[in-house]
Amino acid sequence: TVYLQMNSLKPEDTAVYYCAASKT
C-alpha cells in the first residue's frame, strides 16, 4: 500500500486523485 498524506489543504487542491504504477 502507498499513502499520500495531505496537510494544510487548499481549495486549489480540489481534484480527482489517481494512483498509478510504472515499470520505471
PDB file of all heavy atoms in Angstrom:
ATOM      1  N   THR A   1       0.822  -1.198   0.000  1.00  0.00           N
ATOM      2  CA  THR A   1       0.000   0.000   0.000  1.00  0.00           C
ATOM      3  C   THR A   1       0.861   1.254   0.000  1.00  0.00           C
ATOM      4  O   THR A   1       1.858   1.318   0.717  1.00  0.00           O
ATOM      5  CB  THR A   1      -0.928   0.027   1.228  1.00  0.00           C
ATOM      6  OG1 THR A   1      -1.737  -1.153   1.250  1.00  0.00           O
ATOM      7  CG2 THR A   1      -1.842   1.238   1.195  1.00  0.00           C
ATOM      8  N   VAL A   2       0.485   2.222  -0.787  1.00  0.00           N
ATOM      9  CA  VAL A   2       1.145   3.516  -0.804  1.00  0.00           C
ATOM     10  C   VAL A   2       0.161   4.570  -0.322  1.00  0.00           C
ATOM     11  O   VAL A   2      -1.042   4.484  -0.594  1.00  0.00           O
ATOM     12  CB  VAL A   2       1.697   3.857  -2.212  1.00  0.00           C
ATOM     13  CG1 VAL A   2       0.570   4.001  -3.225  1.00  0.00           C
ATOM     14  CG2 VAL A   2       2.545   5.119  -2.168  1.00  0.00           C
ATOM     15  N   TYR A   3       0.673   5.559   0.416  1.00  0.00           N
ATOM     16  CA  TYR A   3      -0.157   6.584   1.024  1.00  0.00           C
ATOM     17  C   TYR A   3       0.238   7.967   0.523  1.00  0.00           C
ATOM     18  O   TYR A   3       1.371   8.205   0.117  1.00  0.00           O
ATOM     19  CB  TYR A   3      -0.018   6.566   2.545  1.00  0.00           C
ATOM     20  CG  TYR A   3      -0.314   5.233   3.178  1.00  0.00           C
ATOM     21  CD1 TYR A   3       0.713   4.335   3.453  1.00  0.00           C
ATOM     22  CD2 TYR A   3      -1.612   4.871   3.511  1.00  0.00           C
ATOM     23  CE1 TYR A   3       0.452   3.112   4.035  1.00  0.00           C
ATOM     24  CE2 TYR A   3      -1.878   3.650   4.093  1.00  0.00           C
ATOM     25  CZ  TYR A   3      -0.847   2.771   4.354  1.00  0.00           C
ATOM     26  OH  TYR A   3      -1.113   1.558   4.933  1.00  0.00           O
ATOM     27  N   LEU A   4      -0.705   8.860   0.596  1.00  0.00           N
ATOM     28  CA  LEU A   4      -0.438  10.264   0.351  1.00  0.00           C
ATOM     29  C   LEU A   4      -1.057  11.063   1.487  1.00  0.00           C
ATOM     30  O   LEU A   4      -2.287  11.181   1.570  1.00  0.00           O
ATOM     31  CB  LEU A   4      -1.006  10.730  -0.993  1.00  0.00           C
ATOM     32  CG  LEU A   4      -0.701  12.180  -1.360  1.00  0.00           C
ATOM     33  CD1 LEU A   4       0.787  12.352  -1.651  1.00  0.00           C
ATOM     34  CD2 LEU A   4      -1.534  12.631  -2.556  1.00  0.00           C
ATOM     35  N   GLN A   5      -0.213  11.572   2.369  1.00  0.00           N
ATOM     36  CA  GLN A   5      -0.667  12.423   3.460  1.00  0.00           C
ATOM     37  C   GLN A   5      -0.714  13.857   2.965  1.00  0.00           C
ATOM     38  O   GLN A   5       0.297  14.391   2.504  1.00  0.00           O
ATOM     39  CB  GLN A   5       0.270  12.316   4.661  1.00  0.00           C
ATOM     40  CG  GLN A   5      -0.103  13.204   5.835  1.00  0.00           C
ATOM     41  CD  GLN A   5      -1.392  12.795   6.491  1.00  0.00           C
ATOM     42  OE1 GLN A   5      -1.605  11.617   6.748  1.00  0.00           O
ATOM     43  NE2 GLN A   5      -2.259  13.755   6.770  1.00  0.00           N
ATOM     44  N   MET A   6      -1.862  14.475   3.065  1.00  0.00           N
ATOM     45  CA  MET A   6      -2.063  15.825   2.564  1.00  0.00           C
ATOM     46  C   MET A   6      -2.433  16.728   3.731  1.00  0.00           C
ATOM     47  O   MET A   6      -3.465  16.530   4.375  1.00  0.00           O
ATOM     48  CB  MET A   6      -3.151  15.859   1.491  1.00  0.00           C
ATOM     49  CG  MET A   6      -2.893  14.907   0.328  1.00  0.00           C
ATOM     50  SD  MET A   6      -4.131  15.050  -0.984  1.00  0.00           S
ATOM     51  CE  MET A   6      -5.578  14.434  -0.111  1.00  0.00           C
ATOM     52  N   ASN A   7      -1.597  17.709   3.993  1.00  0.00           N
ATOM     53  CA  ASN A   7      -1.812  18.649   5.081  1.00  0.00           C
ATOM     54  C   ASN A   7      -1.997  20.061   4.540  1.00  0.00           C
ATOM     55  O   ASN A   7      -1.627  20.363   3.413  1.00  0.00           O
ATOM     56  CB  ASN A   7      -0.631  18.631   6.052  1.00  0.00           C
ATOM     57  CG  ASN A   7      -0.411  17.290   6.693  1.00  0.00           C
ATOM     58  OD1 ASN A   7      -1.362  16.559   6.985  1.00  0.00           O
ATOM     59  ND2 ASN A   7       0.854  16.946   6.939  1.00  0.00           N
ATOM     60  N   SER A   8      -2.555  20.917   5.382  1.00  0.00           N
ATOM     61  CA  SER A   8      -2.770  22.320   5.022  1.00  0.00           C
ATOM     62  C   SER A   8      -3.440  22.448   3.668  1.00  0.00           C
ATOM     63  O   SER A   8      -3.011  23.214   2.798  1.00  0.00           O
ATOM     64  CB  SER A   8      -1.434  23.077   5.035  1.00  0.00           C
ATOM     65  OG  SER A   8      -0.826  23.016   6.310  1.00  0.00           O
ATOM     66  N   LEU A   9      -4.495  21.711   3.498  1.00  0.00           N
ATOM     67  CA  LEU A   9      -5.161  21.657   2.202  1.00  0.00           C
ATOM     68  C   LEU A   9      -5.774  22.999   1.829  1.00  0.00           C
ATOM     69  O   LEU A   9      -6.274  23.737   2.677  1.00  0.00           O
ATOM     70  CB  LEU A   9      -6.228  20.570   2.206  1.00  0.00           C
ATOM     71  CG  LEU A   9      -5.678  19.148   2.103  1.00  0.00           C
ATOM     72  CD1 LEU A   9      -6.730  18.130   2.501  1.00  0.00           C
ATOM     73  CD2 LEU A   9      -5.187  18.881   0.680  1.00  0.00           C
ATOM     74  N   LYS A  10      -5.733  23.272   0.541  1.00  0.00           N
ATOM     75  CA  LYS A  10      -6.255  24.500  -0.022  1.00  0.00           C
ATOM     76  C   LYS A  10      -7.348  24.174  -1.030  1.00  0.00           C
ATOM     77  O   LYS A  10      -7.362  23.082  -1.596  1.00  0.00           O
ATOM     78  CB  LYS A  10      -5.134  25.284  -0.719  1.00  0.00           C
ATOM     79  CG  LYS A  10      -3.923  25.559   0.150  1.00  0.00           C
ATOM     80  CD  LYS A  10      -2.806  26.193  -0.670  1.00  0.00           C
ATOM     81  CE  LYS A  10      -1.581  26.438   0.175  1.00  0.00           C
ATOM     82  NZ  LYS A  10      -0.473  27.046  -0.618  1.00  0.00           N
ATOM     83  N   PRO A  11      -8.258  25.104  -1.277  1.00  0.00           N
ATOM     84  CA  PRO A  11      -9.297  24.847  -2.278  1.00  0.00           C
ATOM     85  C   PRO A  11      -8.736  24.437  -3.631  1.00  0.00           C
ATOM     86  O   PRO A  11      -9.357  23.624  -4.326  1.00  0.00           O
ATOM     87  CB  PRO A  11     -10.043  26.182  -2.360  1.00  0.00           C
ATOM     88  CG  PRO A  11      -9.893  26.764  -1.000  1.00  0.00           C
ATOM     89  CD  PRO A  11      -8.494  26.377  -0.564  1.00  0.00           C
ATOM     90  N   GLU A  12      -7.584  24.961  -4.001  1.00  0.00           N
ATOM     91  CA  GLU A  12      -6.987  24.610  -5.278  1.00  0.00           C
ATOM     92  C   GLU A  12      -6.448  23.182  -5.324  1.00  0.00           C
ATOM     93  O   GLU A  12      -6.036  22.714  -6.387  1.00  0.00           O
ATOM     94  CB  GLU A  12      -5.874  25.595  -5.660  1.00  0.00           C
ATOM     95  CG  GLU A  12      -4.863  25.831  -4.558  1.00  0.00           C
ATOM     96  CD  GLU A  12      -5.161  27.088  -3.760  1.00  0.00           C
ATOM     97  OE1 GLU A  12      -6.333  27.290  -3.383  1.00  0.00           O
ATOM     98  OE2 GLU A  12      -4.230  27.876  -3.512  1.00  0.00           O
ATOM     99  N   ASP A  13      -6.443  22.494  -4.189  1.00  0.00           N
ATOM    100  CA  ASP A  13      -6.086  21.083  -4.163  1.00  0.00           C
ATOM    101  C   ASP A  13      -7.255  20.193  -4.577  1.00  0.00           C
ATOM    102  O   ASP A  13      -7.086  18.981  -4.723  1.00  0.00           O
ATOM    103  CB  ASP A  13      -5.608  20.665  -2.774  1.00  0.00           C
ATOM    104  CG  ASP A  13      -4.306  21.331  -2.376  1.00  0.00           C
ATOM    105  OD1 ASP A  13      -3.407  21.444  -3.234  1.00  0.00           O
ATOM    106  OD2 ASP A  13      -4.180  21.727  -1.198  1.00  0.00           O
ATOM    107  N   THR A  14      -8.417  20.770  -4.731  1.00  0.00           N
ATOM    108  CA  THR A  14      -9.588  20.009  -5.132  1.00  0.00           C
ATOM    109  C   THR A  14      -9.356  19.363  -6.492  1.00  0.00           C
ATOM    110  O   THR A  14      -9.034  20.041  -7.467  1.00  0.00           O
ATOM    111  CB  THR A  14     -10.829  20.905  -5.180  1.00  0.00           C
ATOM    112  OG1 THR A  14     -11.128  21.377  -3.864  1.00  0.00           O
ATOM    113  CG2 THR A  14     -12.028  20.145  -5.716  1.00  0.00           C
ATOM    114  N   ALA A  15      -9.513  18.057  -6.548  1.00  0.00           N
ATOM    115  CA  ALA A  15      -9.251  17.315  -7.778  1.00  0.00           C
ATOM    116  C   ALA A  15      -9.594  15.853  -7.558  1.00  0.00           C
ATOM    117  O   ALA A  15      -9.826  15.415  -6.425  1.00  0.00           O
ATOM    118  CB  ALA A  15      -7.786  17.443  -8.195  1.00  0.00           C
ATOM    119  N   VAL A  16      -9.614  15.115  -8.642  1.00  0.00           N
ATOM    120  CA  VAL A  16      -9.630  13.668  -8.552  1.00  0.00           C
ATOM    121  C   VAL A  16      -8.184  13.207  -8.457  1.00  0.00           C
ATOM    122  O   VAL A  16      -7.359  13.565  -9.297  1.00  0.00           O
ATOM    123  CB  VAL A  16     -10.326  13.020  -9.757  1.00  0.00           C
ATOM    124  CG1 VAL A  16     -10.257  11.497  -9.668  1.00  0.00           C
ATOM    125  CG2 VAL A  16     -11.778  13.476  -9.836  1.00  0.00           C
ATOM    126  N   TYR A  17      -7.881  12.428  -7.452  1.00  0.00           N
ATOM    127  CA  TYR A  17      -6.528  11.943  -7.225  1.00  0.00           C
ATOM    128  C   TYR A  17      -6.424  10.495  -7.678  1.00  0.00           C
ATOM    129  O   TYR A  17      -7.237   9.654  -7.292  1.00  0.00           O
ATOM    130  CB  TYR A  17      -6.145  12.071  -5.750  1.00  0.00           C
ATOM    131  CG  TYR A  17      -5.824  13.489  -5.355  1.00  0.00           C
ATOM    132  CD1 TYR A  17      -6.821  14.449  -5.269  1.00  0.00           C
ATOM    133  CD2 TYR A  17      -4.509  13.882  -5.082  1.00  0.00           C
ATOM    134  CE1 TYR A  17      -6.539  15.760  -4.936  1.00  0.00           C
ATOM    135  CE2 TYR A  17      -4.212  15.183  -4.735  1.00  0.00           C
ATOM    136  CZ  TYR A  17      -5.230  16.122  -4.661  1.00  0.00           C
ATOM    137  OH  TYR A  17      -4.937  17.422  -4.320  1.00  0.00           O
ATOM    138  N   TYR A  18      -5.413  10.226  -8.478  1.00  0.00           N
ATOM    139  CA  TYR A  18      -5.216   8.906  -9.050  1.00  0.00           C
ATOM    140  C   TYR A  18      -3.917   8.289  -8.574  1.00  0.00           C
ATOM    141  O   TYR A  18      -2.895   8.963  -8.486  1.00  0.00           O
ATOM    142  CB  TYR A  18      -5.170   8.971 -10.577  1.00  0.00           C
ATOM    143  CG  TYR A  18      -6.439   9.458 -11.232  1.00  0.00           C
ATOM    144  CD1 TYR A  18      -6.616  10.800 -11.535  1.00  0.00           C
ATOM    145  CD2 TYR A  18      -7.448   8.563 -11.561  1.00  0.00           C
ATOM    146  CE1 TYR A  18      -7.771  11.247 -12.141  1.00  0.00           C
ATOM    147  CE2 TYR A  18      -8.610   9.003 -12.173  1.00  0.00           C
ATOM    148  CZ  TYR A  18      -8.769  10.341 -12.464  1.00  0.00           C
ATOM    149  OH  TYR A  18      -9.912  10.778 -13.073  1.00  0.00           O
ATOM    150  N   CYS A  19      -3.959   7.014  -8.300  1.00  0.00           N
ATOM    151  CA  CYS A  19      -2.774   6.216  -8.063  1.00  0.00           C
ATOM    152  C   CYS A  19      -2.420   5.507  -9.359  1.00  0.00           C
ATOM    153  O   CYS A  19      -3.300   5.041 -10.076  1.00  0.00           O
ATOM    154  CB  CYS A  19      -3.037   5.200  -6.951  1.00  0.00           C
ATOM    155  SG  CYS A  19      -1.672   4.091  -6.585  1.00  0.00           S
ATOM    156  N   ALA A  20      -1.132   5.437  -9.673  1.00  0.00           N
ATOM    157  CA  ALA A  20      -0.701   4.819 -10.911  1.00  0.00           C
ATOM    158  C   ALA A  20       0.604   4.069 -10.708  1.00  0.00           C
ATOM    159  O   ALA A  20       1.369   4.364  -9.793  1.00  0.00           O
ATOM    160  CB  ALA A  20      -0.531   5.877 -12.004  1.00  0.00           C
ATOM    161  N   ALA A  21       0.860   3.107 -11.582  1.00  0.00           N
ATOM    162  CA  ALA A  21       2.051   2.265 -11.489  1.00  0.00           C
ATOM    163  C   ALA A  21       2.859   2.336 -12.768  1.00  0.00           C
ATOM    164  O   ALA A  21       2.306   2.348 -13.872  1.00  0.00           O
ATOM    165  CB  ALA A  21       1.656   0.818 -11.201  1.00  0.00           C
ATOM    166  N   SER A  22       4.182   2.372 -12.598  1.00  0.00           N
ATOM    167  CA  SER A  22       5.106   2.426 -13.719  1.00  0.00           C
ATOM    168  C   SER A  22       6.246   1.441 -13.509  1.00  0.00           C
ATOM    169  O   SER A  22       6.704   1.256 -12.391  1.00  0.00           O
ATOM    170  CB  SER A  22       5.674   3.843 -13.875  1.00  0.00           C
ATOM    171  OG  SER A  22       6.689   3.883 -14.860  1.00  0.00           O
ATOM    172  N   LYS A  23       6.709   0.843 -14.590  1.00  0.00           N
ATOM    173  CA  LYS A  23       7.847  -0.063 -14.501  1.00  0.00           C
ATOM    174  C   LYS A  23       9.151   0.679 -14.258  1.00  0.00           C
ATOM    175  O   LYS A  23      10.119   0.087 -13.780  1.00  0.00           O
ATOM    176  CB  LYS A  23       7.959  -0.902 -15.781  1.00  0.00           C
ATOM    177  CG  LYS A  23       6.853  -1.922 -15.957  1.00  0.00           C
ATOM    178  CD  LYS A  23       7.086  -2.764 -17.192  1.00  0.00           C
ATOM    179  CE  LYS A  23       6.016  -3.822 -17.348  1.00  0.00           C
ATOM    180  NZ  LYS A  23       6.237  -4.658 -18.547  1.00  0.00           N
ATOM    181  N   THR A  24       9.185   1.947 -14.598  1.00  0.00           N
ATOM    182  CA  THR A  24      10.362   2.773 -14.378  1.00  0.00           C
ATOM    183  C   THR A  24      10.028   3.945 -13.473  1.00  0.00           C
ATOM    184  O   THR A  24       8.870   4.359 -13.372  1.00  0.00           O
ATOM    185  CB  THR A  24      10.940   3.300 -15.698  1.00  0.00           C
ATOM    186  OG1 THR A  24       9.949   4.097 -16.362  1.00  0.00           O
ATOM    187  CG2 THR A  24      11.338   2.158 -16.610  1.00  0.00           C
TER     188      THR A  24
END
